[in-house]
Each structure stands twice: as structure tokens, then as C-alpha cells.
Amino acid sequence: MKKFKLILAILGIILIGIIIYKLVINKETDKTKPKPNATTPTTINKEPLWGQEVTDTIKPELKAAREKAAVEYGKVMEAAMKAKAKGDAGDKASYEEAIKLFKQASEIGENKFWIPLSNIGNVYKAMGDYKNAEDYYNQAIKVSKNAEPAVYLQKIELYRDYLKKPANEVKALYEEAISKLVENANIVMSYAEYANKIGDYKTALKWYQVLADKYKDNKFYAQMVKELKGKAK
């Protein structure tokens, strides 16, 4: 019995020693860990506010300012779209308010968003001010880094349907858009339809063939290629 108590006492001492050892080690380890303070920057991986992917070391107050600006941008864009809708419905005075709001949204976004710029172009186009419409489409294309087919299609529509530009200028704009956007299907389709409409069957065949090769299950593209092969001779 005495021997058993002695063994328990020894085990207790060993256990206490292990506990004390771990406490000491943990305390020393904590001393080596960097402690956050008010001046330590915080690294934040987040969706970009201004339309480009960023990973940056950002101060909390700057992060808060960006988030506030993003909320404000959304509110102004919503108001601008409502004003544009009123203008489209016949209240032409609302177009001026829409332009003002879209410009405000663009300023909030530090002119790095293409959407308000293209919408300003759309409003000017609806007002019949084609010069300003083209200018804002060009700005939107530049800001989007030639990456948005929607903007090119808006400018193409302006050239083709409103300014009634010569076919060679319209085709040149289509070719530019296709080269920048690597044969975007929507633009290629629009170009093929336009070329076919003006009787440029060789160009229409070329781009319908591109679509048919890319979308092999699409019977319409295959049929257009078949029809145009006879006309393009």
C-alpha cells in the first residue's frame, strides 16, 4: 500500500512538472509573437472598389472611405438610371438630370468605371447629340481597356443607325472591336448580319463561318454559310 502511494506521488510530481513546463514554454512563445497595435497596417484581400483586382496594405480609415464611396456610387447610379428611364418614357427634361447623375457617379468612381460613361453616351444619343455620344463611348472604351463588347456595340449602333456612316467606316469599327475582343460572338454575329444586309456577302460568309466553326451544333450558322457560299462567288 505504501509502495502504491509512493508511485502515485511520483506520477503527480511528474504531471505537475509537465504542466509547469508547458506554461513556461507557451509564455516564452507568446513573447516572440508580434502584437497588433494602432500603427500596424492590415492586409486586406478584397474585391476591388474601382474595377481592378488589387491586394494592398490599407489603413482602416481608407478602407472605410472606399466602402462608403462604393455605397454612394450605387445610390447615385440607381438615381441616374431612374432619371434616364423617365427620359426614355417621354420626360425629356429628365435626360439632363440623368447626365448630371451619371457624371457624379463617374467622379465618385474616380473615372475608372465604364458603365456611367457609356450611359452618358446613351443619353446623348437619345437626345440627338451624336458628337457627345461618340465622345463618351470612346471614353468608356478606353476606361474598359477595350474589354467590354457592350460599349463597342453601342458605338457601332451609333455609326450604323444614327450617323449613317459609310459602310467602310462601320466595317472598320467592327474589325477593331473583333480584334480587341478576340472574336466576341455578339460582335461577330452583328458584323455578319450587317455585312449580309449591305450585300457584302464575302465578309458575311467569313464571319458566319467563324461562328459555324465555333458553334458546330448551331443549325442557323450552318445554313447561313451554305446560303452565302452561293452568293459570295
Foldseek 3Di string as FASTA:
>chain_A
DVVVVVVVVVVVVVVVVVVVVVVVVVVVVVVPDDDDDQPDWDWDQDDDLQPDGDTDGDHPVVVVVSVVLSVVLVVLLVVLVVLVVVCVVPPVVSLVVSLVSLVVSCVSSVVLALVSLQVNLVSCVVVVNNVSSLVSLVSSCVSVVLADVVSLVSNLCCCVPPVVHDPVVSVVSLVVSCVSHVNDPVSLVVNLVVCVVVLVLVSNLVSLVVVCVVCVVDVVSVVSNVVSVVSND
